[in-house]
Amino acid sequence: MIAGAVALACLGWFFTFGLAWGNFWVKIGLTVAIVSGYSLLWQKPRVRFTASSVGLGLVSAVVLYGVFFAGHAIAPLVLPGAHAQVGGIYGLGEGSSRVWIFLLLFFVTGPGEEIFWRGFLQHRMEQRWGAGRAYAAATLVYGGVHVFSGNPMLVLAALVAGAFWGALYVWKHDVALLVVSHAFWSAFIFAVVPIR
């Protein structure tokens, strides 16, 4: 079950990033729909939106945005060509409406990724290996599938975001909180207030 989920994610992210043809946003939306659908076949995660989960989700989205804002300033000192690689990330969606991107990230990819990556994969790994190993493994796989982009900054960004959301899962085991965090963060950083 875990191996199947990882293999499916690798195939999906290769399809999204590794194949040059097609609209990136359509491909990532389709990929996330497939992997989250796969996870829902095995388990229905408990997603209960409470005032606490929504509030913490919003605060965590703002914190993660701040981390990326600071990282944007520091990245060129650590990784030559970092800003060009960030431009390459935003360039993936060129030609697509920002409204369309916002809606897709907010209602499909943000929630779908959390249902799959933390609500299913990290949860299953935790049952098998314990919280610490599951956190490390889920974070590495989440970052690892982004290697198909050929963009080191995107891989680093995925590792940072995956580590952040994975830690929130270890702390609260609240998928609703993660859905709110991921949906708001991704929609705003890509479609409302990009960091370039």
C-alpha atoms as a PDB file:
ATOM      1  CA  MET A   1       0.000   0.000   0.000  1.00  0.00           C
ATOM      2  CA  ILE A   2       2.786   2.465   0.947  1.00  0.00           C
ATOM      3  CA  ALA A   3       5.002   1.273  -1.928  1.00  0.00           C
ATOM      4  CA  GLY A   4       2.083   1.566  -4.346  1.00  0.00           C
ATOM      5  CA  ALA A   5       1.353   5.111  -3.177  1.00  0.00           C
ATOM      6  CA  VAL A   6       4.996   6.154  -3.588  1.00  0.00           C
ATOM      7  CA  ALA A   7       5.215   4.561  -7.042  1.00  0.00           C
ATOM      8  CA  LEU A   8       1.995   6.280  -8.132  1.00  0.00           C
ATOM      9  CA  ALA A   9       3.275   9.634  -6.845  1.00  0.00           C
ATOM     10  CA  CYS A  10       6.553   9.172  -8.748  1.00  0.00           C
ATOM     11  CA  LEU A  11       4.652   8.409 -11.951  1.00  0.00           C
ATOM     12  CA  GLY A  12       2.319  11.341 -11.431  1.00  0.00           C
ATOM     13  CA  TRP A  13       5.035  13.889 -10.717  1.00  0.00           C
ATOM     14  CA  PHE A  14       7.084  12.559 -13.652  1.00  0.00           C
ATOM     15  CA  PHE A  15       4.030  13.041 -15.877  1.00  0.00           C
ATOM     16  CA  THR A  16       3.578  16.570 -14.491  1.00  0.00           C
ATOM     17  CA  PHE A  17       7.180  17.784 -14.572  1.00  0.00           C
ATOM     18  CA  GLY A  18       9.127  15.349 -16.727  1.00  0.00           C
ATOM     19  CA  LEU A  19       7.002  15.522 -19.861  1.00  0.00           C
ATOM     20  CA  ALA A  20       7.248  18.853 -21.671  1.00  0.00           C
ATOM     21  CA  TRP A  21       3.908  18.704 -23.467  1.00  0.00           C
ATOM     22  CA  GLY A  22       0.564  19.834 -22.082  1.00  0.00           C
ATOM     23  CA  ASN A  23      -0.542  22.527 -19.646  1.00  0.00           C
ATOM     24  CA  PHE A  24       1.329  22.239 -16.338  1.00  0.00           C
ATOM     25  CA  TRP A  25      -1.668  23.210 -14.216  1.00  0.00           C
ATOM     26  CA  VAL A  26      -3.978  20.704 -15.881  1.00  0.00           C
ATOM     27  CA  LYS A  27      -1.345  17.982 -15.377  1.00  0.00           C
ATOM     28  CA  ILE A  28      -0.741  18.750 -11.687  1.00  0.00           C
ATOM     29  CA  GLY A  29      -4.488  18.936 -11.049  1.00  0.00           C
ATOM     30  CA  LEU A  30      -4.997  15.563 -12.720  1.00  0.00           C
ATOM     31  CA  THR A  31      -2.042  14.026 -10.864  1.00  0.00           C
ATOM     32  CA  VAL A  32      -3.271  15.213  -7.472  1.00  0.00           C
ATOM     33  CA  ALA A  33      -6.803  14.008  -8.225  1.00  0.00           C
ATOM     34  CA  ILE A  34      -5.433  10.542  -9.056  1.00  0.00           C
ATOM     35  CA  VAL A  35      -3.145  10.165  -6.017  1.00  0.00           C
ATOM     36  CA  SER A  36      -5.740  11.521  -3.600  1.00  0.00           C
ATOM     37  CA  GLY A  37      -8.335   9.236  -5.192  1.00  0.00           C
ATOM     38  CA  TYR A  38      -5.977   6.299  -4.670  1.00  0.00           C
ATOM     39  CA  SER A  39      -5.567   7.192  -1.003  1.00  0.00           C
ATOM     40  CA  LEU A  40      -9.338   7.510  -0.550  1.00  0.00           C
ATOM     41  CA  LEU A  41      -9.773   3.949  -1.832  1.00  0.00           C
ATOM     42  CA  TRP A  42      -7.771   2.746   1.182  1.00  0.00           C
ATOM     43  CA  GLN A  43      -8.805   5.156   3.852  1.00  0.00           C
ATOM     44  CA  LYS A  44     -11.159   8.066   4.434  1.00  0.00           C
ATOM     45  CA  PRO A  45      -9.231  10.674   6.439  1.00  0.00           C
ATOM     46  CA  ARG A  46     -10.997  12.506   9.216  1.00  0.00           C
ATOM     47  CA  VAL A  47     -11.273  16.081   7.979  1.00  0.00           C
ATOM     48  CA  ARG A  48     -13.221  18.182  10.456  1.00  0.00           C
ATOM     49  CA  PHE A  49     -13.054  21.946  10.000  1.00  0.00           C
ATOM     50  CA  THR A  50     -13.167  23.631  13.383  1.00  0.00           C
ATOM     51  CA  ALA A  51     -12.384  27.198  14.389  1.00  0.00           C
ATOM     52  CA  SER A  52      -9.065  25.943  15.731  1.00  0.00           C
ATOM     53  CA  SER A  53      -8.086  24.062  12.573  1.00  0.00           C
ATOM     54  CA  VAL A  54      -9.015  26.976  10.312  1.00  0.00           C
ATOM     55  CA  GLY A  55      -7.281  29.528  12.552  1.00  0.00           C
ATOM     56  CA  LEU A  56      -4.077  27.486  12.915  1.00  0.00           C
ATOM     57  CA  GLY A  57      -4.173  26.677   9.221  1.00  0.00           C
ATOM     58  CA  LEU A  58      -4.300  30.374   8.309  1.00  0.00           C
ATOM     59  CA  VAL A  59      -1.534  31.289  10.774  1.00  0.00           C
ATOM     60  CA  SER A  60       0.681  28.453   9.510  1.00  0.00           C
ATOM     61  CA  ALA A  61       0.121  29.544   5.889  1.00  0.00           C
ATOM     62  CA  VAL A  62       1.293  33.062   6.801  1.00  0.00           C
ATOM     63  CA  VAL A  63       4.323  31.666   8.666  1.00  0.00           C
ATOM     64  CA  LEU A  64       5.300  29.451   5.724  1.00  0.00           C
ATOM     65  CA  TYR A  65       4.878  32.369   3.317  1.00  0.00           C
ATOM     66  CA  GLY A  66       7.254  34.344   5.582  1.00  0.00           C
ATOM     67  CA  VAL A  67       9.772  31.495   5.504  1.00  0.00           C
ATOM     68  CA  PHE A  68       9.693  31.523   1.696  1.00  0.00           C
ATOM     69  CA  PHE A  69       9.924  35.331   1.587  1.00  0.00           C
ATOM     70  CA  ALA A  70      13.071  35.200   3.750  1.00  0.00           C
ATOM     71  CA  GLY A  71      14.392  32.232   1.776  1.00  0.00           C
ATOM     72  CA  HIS A  72      14.048  34.186  -1.466  1.00  0.00           C
ATOM     73  CA  ALA A  73      16.459  36.800  -0.104  1.00  0.00           C
ATOM     74  CA  ILE A  74      18.941  34.215   1.215  1.00  0.00           C
ATOM     75  CA  ALA A  75      18.800  31.649  -1.618  1.00  0.00           C
ATOM     76  CA  PRO A  76      21.180  33.422  -4.073  1.00  0.00           C
ATOM     77  CA  LEU A  77      23.885  33.413  -1.381  1.00  0.00           C
ATOM     78  CA  VAL A  78      23.620  29.633  -1.094  1.00  0.00           C
ATOM     79  CA  LEU A  79      22.581  28.526  -4.567  1.00  0.00           C
ATOM     80  CA  PRO A  80      23.898  30.430  -7.595  1.00  0.00           C
ATOM     81  CA  GLY A  81      21.146  31.106 -10.116  1.00  0.00           C
ATOM     82  CA  ALA A  82      18.442  30.688  -7.481  1.00  0.00           C
ATOM     83  CA  HIS A  83      16.306  33.576  -8.705  1.00  0.00           C
ATOM     84  CA  ALA A  84      16.385  32.279 -12.279  1.00  0.00           C
ATOM     85  CA  GLN A  85      15.229  28.888 -10.995  1.00  0.00           C
ATOM     86  CA  VAL A  86      12.407  30.547  -9.054  1.00  0.00           C
ATOM     87  CA  GLY A  87      11.443  32.288 -12.288  1.00  0.00           C
ATOM     88  CA  GLY A  88      11.404  28.858 -13.916  1.00  0.00           C
ATOM     89  CA  ILE A  89       8.930  27.635 -11.292  1.00  0.00           C
ATOM     90  CA  TYR A  90       6.555  30.517 -11.995  1.00  0.00           C
ATOM     91  CA  GLY A  91       7.161  30.090 -15.714  1.00  0.00           C
ATOM     92  CA  LEU A  92       5.501  26.669 -15.574  1.00  0.00           C
ATOM     93  CA  GLY A  93       2.118  28.327 -15.471  1.00  0.00           C
ATOM     94  CA  GLU A  94       2.663  30.945 -18.159  1.00  0.00           C
ATOM     95  CA  GLY A  95      -0.374  31.544 -20.303  1.00  0.00           C
ATOM     96  CA  SER A  96      -2.821  30.391 -17.606  1.00  0.00           C
ATOM     97  CA  SER A  97      -5.271  32.726 -15.901  1.00  0.00           C
ATOM     98  CA  ARG A  98      -4.347  33.630 -12.325  1.00  0.00           C
ATOM     99  CA  VAL A  99      -7.988  33.120 -11.337  1.00  0.00           C
ATOM    100  CA  TRP A 100      -7.908  29.588 -12.779  1.00  0.00           C
ATOM    101  CA  ILE A 101      -4.596  28.858 -10.998  1.00  0.00           C
ATOM    102  CA  PHE A 102      -5.977  30.206  -7.696  1.00  0.00           C
ATOM    103  CA  LEU A 103      -9.136  28.085  -7.902  1.00  0.00           C
ATOM    104  CA  LEU A 104      -7.193  24.951  -8.844  1.00  0.00           C
ATOM    105  CA  LEU A 105      -4.670  25.373  -6.023  1.00  0.00           C
ATOM    106  CA  PHE A 106      -7.253  26.359  -3.437  1.00  0.00           C
ATOM    107  CA  PHE A 107      -9.895  23.727  -4.163  1.00  0.00           C
ATOM    108  CA  VAL A 108      -8.023  20.819  -5.788  1.00  0.00           C
ATOM    109  CA  THR A 109      -4.267  20.585  -5.351  1.00  0.00           C
ATOM    110  CA  GLY A 110      -3.918  22.064  -1.847  1.00  0.00           C
ATOM    111  CA  PRO A 111      -6.598  19.848  -0.265  1.00  0.00           C
ATOM    112  CA  GLY A 112      -5.766  16.818  -2.459  1.00  0.00           C
ATOM    113  CA  GLU A 113      -2.066  16.895  -1.658  1.00  0.00           C
ATOM    114  CA  GLU A 114      -2.707  17.005   2.091  1.00  0.00           C
ATOM    115  CA  ILE A 115      -5.239  14.175   1.909  1.00  0.00           C
ATOM    116  CA  PHE A 116      -2.616  12.094   0.084  1.00  0.00           C
ATOM    117  CA  TRP A 117       0.778  13.138   1.498  1.00  0.00           C
ATOM    118  CA  ARG A 118       0.020  13.675   5.169  1.00  0.00           C
ATOM    119  CA  GLY A 119      -3.493  12.272   5.696  1.00  0.00           C
ATOM    120  CA  PHE A 120      -2.674   9.000   3.971  1.00  0.00           C
ATOM    121  CA  LEU A 121       1.032   8.408   3.270  1.00  0.00           C
ATOM    122  CA  GLN A 122       2.572   9.916   6.404  1.00  0.00           C
ATOM    123  CA  HIS A 123      -0.257   8.458   8.496  1.00  0.00           C
ATOM    124  CA  ARG A 124       0.342   4.936   7.115  1.00  0.00           C
ATOM    125  CA  MET A 125       4.109   5.270   7.510  1.00  0.00           C
ATOM    126  CA  GLU A 126       3.575   6.427  11.098  1.00  0.00           C
ATOM    127  CA  GLN A 127       1.484   3.364  11.873  1.00  0.00           C
ATOM    128  CA  ARG A 128       4.254   1.148  10.544  1.00  0.00           C
ATOM    129  CA  TRP A 129       7.480   2.944  11.562  1.00  0.00           C
ATOM    130  CA  GLY A 130       6.592   5.492  14.235  1.00  0.00           C
ATOM    131  CA  ALA A 131       6.266   9.271  14.020  1.00  0.00           C
ATOM    132  CA  GLY A 132       9.940  10.223  13.589  1.00  0.00           C
ATOM    133  CA  ARG A 133      10.792   7.828  10.764  1.00  0.00           C
ATOM    134  CA  ALA A 134       7.476   8.460   9.042  1.00  0.00           C
ATOM    135  CA  TYR A 135       8.049  12.219   9.167  1.00  0.00           C
ATOM    136  CA  ALA A 136      11.519  11.891   7.641  1.00  0.00           C
ATOM    137  CA  ALA A 137      10.436   9.395   4.974  1.00  0.00           C
ATOM    138  CA  ALA A 138       7.301  11.302   3.924  1.00  0.00           C
ATOM    139  CA  THR A 139       9.249  14.567   3.717  1.00  0.00           C
ATOM    140  CA  LEU A 140      11.995  13.003   1.599  1.00  0.00           C
ATOM    141  CA  VAL A 141       9.509  11.368  -0.777  1.00  0.00           C
ATOM    142  CA  TYR A 142       7.546  14.628  -1.092  1.00  0.00           C
ATOM    143  CA  GLY A 143      10.724  16.517  -1.969  1.00  0.00           C
ATOM    144  CA  GLY A 144      12.054  13.646  -4.040  1.00  0.00           C
ATOM    145  CA  VAL A 145       9.197  13.473  -6.534  1.00  0.00           C
ATOM    146  CA  HIS A 146       9.980  17.080  -7.472  1.00  0.00           C
ATOM    147  CA  VAL A 147      13.385  16.063  -8.915  1.00  0.00           C
ATOM    148  CA  PHE A 148      11.541  15.393 -12.169  1.00  0.00           C
ATOM    149  CA  SER A 149      11.314  19.179 -12.548  1.00  0.00           C
ATOM    150  CA  GLY A 150      15.106  19.390 -12.949  1.00  0.00           C
ATOM    151  CA  ASN A 151      14.928  22.521 -10.770  1.00  0.00           C
ATOM    152  CA  PRO A 152      16.986  22.374  -7.526  1.00  0.00           C
ATOM    153  CA  MET A 153      15.126  25.359  -6.052  1.00  0.00           C
ATOM    154  CA  LEU A 154      11.800  23.624  -6.555  1.00  0.00           C
ATOM    155  CA  VAL A 155      13.132  20.466  -4.881  1.00  0.00           C
ATOM    156  CA  LEU A 156      14.429  22.560  -1.961  1.00  0.00           C
ATOM    157  CA  ALA A 157      11.105  24.421  -1.739  1.00  0.00           C
ATOM    158  CA  ALA A 158       9.213  21.115  -1.684  1.00  0.00           C
ATOM    159  CA  LEU A 159      11.482  19.771   1.060  1.00  0.00           C
ATOM    160  CA  VAL A 160      10.954  22.898   3.176  1.00  0.00           C
ATOM    161  CA  ALA A 161       7.183  22.914   2.670  1.00  0.00           C
ATOM    162  CA  GLY A 162       6.937  19.142   3.151  1.00  0.00           C
ATOM    163  CA  ALA A 163       8.967  19.333   6.371  1.00  0.00           C
ATOM    164  CA  PHE A 164       6.745  22.168   7.607  1.00  0.00           C
ATOM    165  CA  TRP A 165       3.423  20.451   6.885  1.00  0.00           C
ATOM    166  CA  GLY A 166       4.783  17.088   8.040  1.00  0.00           C
ATOM    167  CA  ALA A 167       5.758  18.636  11.386  1.00  0.00           C
ATOM    168  CA  LEU A 168       2.287  20.151  11.715  1.00  0.00           C
ATOM    169  CA  TYR A 169       0.857  16.678  11.135  1.00  0.00           C
ATOM    170  CA  VAL A 170       3.090  15.149  13.824  1.00  0.00           C
ATOM    171  CA  TRP A 171       2.042  17.920  16.206  1.00  0.00           C
ATOM    172  CA  LYS A 172      -1.714  18.012  15.622  1.00  0.00           C
ATOM    173  CA  HIS A 173      -2.730  15.051  13.401  1.00  0.00           C
ATOM    174  CA  ASP A 174      -5.306  17.440  11.972  1.00  0.00           C
ATOM    175  CA  VAL A 175      -5.769  17.050   8.219  1.00  0.00           C
ATOM    176  CA  ALA A 176      -8.234  19.963   8.096  1.00  0.00           C
ATOM    177  CA  LEU A 177      -5.556  22.293   9.487  1.00  0.00           C
ATOM    178  CA  LEU A 178      -3.162  21.107   6.763  1.00  0.00           C
ATOM    179  CA  VAL A 179      -5.764  21.485   4.023  1.00  0.00           C
ATOM    180  CA  VAL A 180      -6.357  25.115   5.051  1.00  0.00           C
ATOM    181  CA  SER A 181      -2.615  25.812   5.329  1.00  0.00           C
ATOM    182  CA  HIS A 182      -1.686  24.260   1.982  1.00  0.00           C
ATOM    183  CA  ALA A 183      -4.681  25.685   0.105  1.00  0.00           C
ATOM    184  CA  PHE A 184      -4.133  29.267   1.271  1.00  0.00           C
ATOM    185  CA  TRP A 185      -0.333  29.181   1.028  1.00  0.00           C
ATOM    186  CA  SER A 186      -0.158  27.733  -2.473  1.00  0.00           C
ATOM    187  CA  ALA A 187      -2.990  29.833  -3.898  1.00  0.00           C
ATOM    188  CA  PHE A 188      -1.471  33.048  -2.561  1.00  0.00           C
ATOM    189  CA  ILE A 189       2.181  32.333  -3.370  1.00  0.00           C
ATOM    190  CA  PHE A 190       1.404  31.327  -6.946  1.00  0.00           C
ATOM    191  CA  ALA A 191      -1.628  33.398  -7.905  1.00  0.00           C
ATOM    192  CA  VAL A 192      -2.034  36.400  -5.580  1.00  0.00           C
ATOM    193  CA  VAL A 193       1.296  37.594  -4.139  1.00  0.00           C
ATOM    194  CA  PRO A 194       4.092  35.672  -5.916  1.00  0.00           C
ATOM    195  CA  ILE A 195       7.603  35.880  -4.478  1.00  0.00           C
ATOM    196  CA  ARG A 196       9.893  36.619  -7.431  1.00  0.00           C
END
